[in-house]
Protein backbone atom coordinates (compact mmCIF):
# COMPACT_ATOMS: atom_id res chain seq x y z
CA MET A 1 12.28 -22.38 -0.86
CA ALA A 2 9.95 -24.34 -3.08
CA PHE A 3 8.17 -27.63 -3.23
CA ALA A 4 6.62 -29.31 -6.25
CA ALA A 5 3.42 -31.29 -6.61
CA ARG A 6 1.68 -32.91 -9.56
CA ILE A 7 -1.96 -32.06 -10.09
CA ASN A 8 -4.37 -33.29 -12.76
CA ALA A 9 -5.59 -29.88 -13.86
CA ARG A 10 -4.50 -26.97 -15.94
CA PRO A 11 -3.43 -23.85 -14.04
CA ASP A 12 -5.89 -21.17 -13.09
CA THR A 13 -5.88 -18.64 -15.91
CA ASN A 14 -6.50 -15.90 -13.33
CA ARG A 15 -8.39 -13.76 -15.81
CA THR A 16 -9.94 -10.82 -14.10
CA PRO A 17 -13.64 -9.95 -14.32
CA THR A 18 -15.57 -6.74 -13.78
CA THR A 19 -18.83 -5.47 -12.37
CA GLY A 20 -19.54 -2.40 -14.51
CA TRP A 21 -20.59 -0.04 -11.71
CA VAL A 22 -18.82 3.27 -12.48
CA SER A 23 -17.43 4.57 -15.77
CA ARG A 24 -14.35 6.72 -16.33
CA GLU A 25 -11.82 6.75 -19.17
CA ALA A 26 -8.12 6.57 -18.35
CA ASP A 27 -4.92 5.76 -20.19
CA LYS A 28 -1.82 4.16 -18.78
CA SER A 29 1.54 3.38 -20.36
CA MET A 30 4.94 2.29 -19.06
CA ASN A 31 8.28 1.95 -20.84
CA GLY A 32 6.63 2.26 -24.23
CA ALA A 33 4.03 -0.47 -23.55
CA ARG A 34 0.80 -0.43 -25.52
CA VAL A 35 -1.69 2.05 -24.03
CA GLU A 36 -5.11 0.60 -23.22
CA PRO A 37 -8.20 2.73 -22.56
CA LEU A 38 -9.51 1.89 -19.09
CA ARG A 39 -12.97 2.19 -17.59
CA GLN A 40 -13.10 2.51 -13.82
CA VAL A 41 -15.50 0.02 -12.26
CA ILE A 42 -14.65 -0.01 -8.53
CA GLY A 43 -13.34 3.22 -7.07
CA ALA A 44 -10.52 3.66 -4.58
CA GLU A 45 -12.82 4.84 -1.78
CA GLN A 46 -15.12 1.87 -2.24
CA ILE A 47 -12.17 -0.53 -2.13
CA GLN A 48 -10.76 1.02 1.04
CA LYS A 49 -14.16 0.94 2.74
CA ARG A 50 -14.58 -2.75 1.96
CA VAL A 51 -11.03 -3.62 3.05
CA LYS A 52 -11.66 -1.98 6.43
CA GLU A 53 -14.90 -3.96 6.78
CA LEU A 54 -13.02 -7.18 6.05
CA GLY A 55 -10.34 -6.21 8.57
CA ARG A 56 -12.94 -5.74 11.31
CA GLN A 57 -14.64 -9.04 10.49
CA ILE A 58 -11.35 -10.95 10.45
CA SER A 59 -10.24 -9.31 13.71
CA ASP A 60 -13.47 -10.40 15.40
CA ASP A 61 -13.13 -13.96 14.13
CA TYR A 62 -9.50 -14.31 15.24
CA LYS A 63 -9.70 -12.71 18.69
CA GLY A 64 -7.10 -14.24 20.99
CA LYS A 65 -5.22 -15.81 18.07
CA THR A 66 -2.25 -14.96 15.89
CA ILE A 67 -2.92 -15.02 12.14
CA GLN A 68 -0.31 -16.58 9.88
CA MET A 69 -1.16 -14.68 6.71
CA LEU A 70 0.07 -16.12 3.40
CA ALA A 71 -0.34 -13.69 0.49
CA VAL A 72 -0.35 -15.18 -3.01
CA LEU A 73 1.75 -13.08 -5.40
CA GLU A 74 1.45 -11.06 -7.50
CA ASN A 75 -2.21 -10.04 -7.58
CA SER A 76 -2.68 -9.77 -3.81
CA PHE A 77 0.24 -7.52 -2.90
CA MET A 78 -1.68 -4.23 -2.68
CA PHE A 79 -4.72 -5.84 -1.07
CA VAL A 80 -2.70 -7.55 1.66
CA ALA A 81 -0.76 -4.33 2.41
CA ASP A 82 -4.02 -2.52 3.19
CA LEU A 83 -5.69 -5.51 4.84
CA VAL A 84 -2.99 -6.13 7.46
CA ARG A 85 -3.28 -2.48 8.55
CA ALA A 86 -7.02 -2.96 9.08
CA ILE A 87 -6.56 -6.00 11.36
CA ASP A 88 -6.03 -5.45 15.08
CA VAL A 89 -4.92 -8.94 16.16
CA PRO A 90 -1.32 -10.20 15.83
CA VAL A 91 -0.36 -11.03 12.23
CA VAL A 92 2.66 -12.80 10.76
CA CYS A 93 2.72 -11.93 7.06
CA GLN A 94 4.50 -14.09 4.48
CA PHE A 95 4.34 -14.41 0.71
CA ILE A 96 4.00 -17.36 -1.63
CA LYS A 97 4.17 -17.61 -5.41
CA PRO A 98 2.73 -20.62 -7.27
CA LYS A 99 4.37 -21.38 -10.61
CA TYR A 100 3.30 -24.00 -13.13
CA SER A 101 5.62 -25.84 -15.49
CA HIS A 102 4.42 -28.20 -18.21
CA THR A 103 5.53 -31.81 -18.12
CA GLN A 104 7.33 -33.36 -21.06
CA GLY A 105 6.34 -36.39 -23.09
CA GLY A 106 2.62 -35.74 -23.23
CA ALA A 107 1.89 -36.32 -19.55
CA ALA A 108 -1.65 -35.49 -18.51
CA SER A 109 -0.70 -33.31 -15.56
CA ASP A 110 1.43 -30.28 -14.75
CA VAL A 111 3.92 -29.64 -11.98
CA MET A 112 3.25 -26.73 -9.67
CA GLU A 113 6.02 -25.26 -7.53
CA ILE A 114 5.14 -23.01 -4.63
CA PHE A 115 7.84 -20.53 -3.62
CA PHE A 116 7.75 -19.21 -0.04
CA SER A 117 9.40 -15.98 1.07
CA HIS A 118 10.87 -18.23 3.75
CA GLU A 119 9.83 -21.61 5.10
CA PRO A 120 6.62 -20.96 7.07
CA ASP A 121 5.82 -22.61 10.36
CA ILE A 122 2.50 -24.23 9.46
CA ARG A 123 1.86 -26.89 12.08
CA GLY A 124 -0.66 -25.77 14.68
CA GLN A 125 -1.00 -22.30 13.12
CA HIS A 126 -4.10 -20.43 11.99
CA ILE A 127 -3.51 -19.76 8.30
CA LEU A 128 -5.27 -17.06 6.31
CA LEU A 129 -4.58 -17.34 2.58
CA VAL A 130 -4.88 -14.00 0.78
CA GLU A 131 -5.75 -13.79 -2.93
CA GLY A 132 -6.33 -10.80 -5.18
CA LEU A 133 -8.70 -12.82 -7.37
CA VAL A 134 -10.20 -16.30 -7.16
CA HIS A 135 -11.13 -17.49 -10.65
CA SER A 136 -11.34 -21.24 -11.37
CA GLY A 137 -10.20 -22.02 -7.82
CA VAL A 138 -7.89 -24.86 -8.91
CA THR A 139 -4.67 -23.32 -7.60
CA THR A 140 -6.30 -21.98 -4.44
CA GLU A 141 -7.88 -25.33 -3.60
CA PHE A 142 -4.51 -27.04 -4.04
CA LEU A 143 -2.77 -24.51 -1.78
CA MET A 144 -5.38 -24.86 0.97
CA ALA A 145 -5.27 -28.67 0.85
CA ASP A 146 -1.48 -28.61 1.11
CA LEU A 147 -1.56 -26.25 4.09
CA ARG A 148 -4.03 -28.52 5.89
CA ALA A 149 -1.83 -31.52 5.12
CA ARG A 150 1.11 -29.69 6.69
CA GLY A 151 -0.76 -29.62 10.00
CA ALA A 152 -2.33 -26.16 10.14
CA ALA A 153 -4.83 -25.71 12.96
CA SER A 154 -7.14 -23.90 10.53
CA VAL A 155 -6.99 -22.65 6.94
CA LYS A 156 -9.25 -19.87 5.68
CA LEU A 157 -9.37 -17.85 2.48
CA VAL A 158 -9.85 -14.12 1.90
CA THR A 159 -9.96 -12.67 -1.60
CA LEU A 160 -10.53 -9.17 -2.87
CA LEU A 161 -12.39 -10.40 -5.98
CA ASP A 162 -14.43 -13.58 -6.38
CA ARG A 163 -15.54 -14.80 -9.78
CA GLN A 164 -17.81 -17.66 -8.76
CA SER A 165 -19.14 -18.18 -12.29
CA ALA A 166 -15.69 -19.41 -13.37
CA ARG A 167 -15.30 -22.08 -10.68
CA ARG A 168 -14.00 -25.49 -11.69
CA VAL A 169 -13.86 -26.83 -8.13
CA LEU A 170 -16.07 -26.59 -5.05
CA LEU A 171 -14.50 -23.64 -3.28
CA GLN A 172 -16.08 -20.82 -1.29
CA PRO A 173 -13.95 -18.01 0.20
CA ASP A 174 -14.44 -17.35 3.90
CA TYR A 175 -14.18 -13.62 3.20
CA PHE A 176 -14.44 -11.71 -0.07
CA GLY A 177 -14.50 -8.10 -1.13
CA PHE A 178 -16.51 -8.02 -4.34
CA LEU A 179 -18.29 -10.54 -6.55
CA VAL A 180 -17.33 -9.95 -10.17
CA ASP A 181 -18.40 -11.27 -13.55
CA ASP A 182 -17.00 -11.79 -17.03
CA ALA A 183 -14.69 -8.96 -18.10
CA TYR A 184 -11.06 -8.32 -17.13
CA LEU A 185 -9.91 -6.02 -14.35
CA VAL A 186 -6.61 -4.26 -13.77
CA GLY A 187 -5.43 -2.02 -10.97
CA TYR A 188 -5.07 -2.32 -7.20
CA GLY A 189 -2.38 -4.96 -7.63
CA LEU A 190 -3.80 -6.69 -10.71
CA GLY A 191 -1.68 -6.29 -13.84
CA ALA A 192 -2.31 -6.18 -17.55
CA VAL A 193 -0.55 -8.39 -20.09
CA GLU A 194 2.40 -5.98 -20.12
CA GLN A 195 2.44 -6.04 -16.27
CA THR A 196 1.32 -2.40 -16.19
CA ASN A 197 -1.54 -0.85 -14.17
CA ARG A 198 -0.86 -2.70 -10.92
CA ASN A 199 -0.21 0.70 -9.33
CA LEU A 200 -3.73 2.07 -9.91
CA ALA A 201 -5.63 2.86 -6.69
CA TYR A 202 -8.90 1.70 -8.29
CA LEU A 203 -10.03 -1.29 -10.36
CA ALA A 204 -10.67 -0.75 -14.04
CA ALA A 205 -11.74 -2.78 -17.07
CA ALA A 206 -9.59 -2.72 -20.21
CA SER A 207 -11.69 -2.18 -23.31
CA SER A 208 -9.79 -4.89 -25.17
CA GLY A 209 -10.66 -7.45 -22.50
CA ALA A 210 -7.06 -8.61 -22.34
CA PRO A 211 -6.35 -11.14 -19.56
CA VAL A 212 -4.22 -10.23 -16.58
CA THR A 213 -1.57 -12.26 -14.82
């Protein structure tokens, strides 16, 4: 199902930054899409090590509780699949997809609909929102405020990538994998303009700096 809310902000562009740690050239194409040279910046082993660390930390913090995990599509799908397997407390995993639509007639705000995989039971639950990337924080802040308003016992945020330099709101993740900076990343669930490269086991920067979805 979906609900709609009007917010006085433009949607999070969700452009993906990079750290520039490791270099490796790679090419990827799908269904005739434009091939972009890629430079690996965070390797698969480093990602998996950090995800396991996050899983241990989250498990310690939620001892004796059941986590209602809400994964924000699409960027978080690979991250949440690995994260839930690294957590040793009970987890109920659901998926949500925010979608913006522009208002007509020159209105100053947009309408955001949030689609749930099925209607979640929020009241009295311990919610862990899972993001692949937190950029401006506008969408994430809205989601967390709505979950609190629905009566959640607690609402926390875990993100694989955190680009704090792009923040437009006061938002600090409770758990994060890597701090990243200005360039664009693809891989490990994050897609290029053509929606390719989500299947990569590592994170890479496209030389063109094209934004991801």
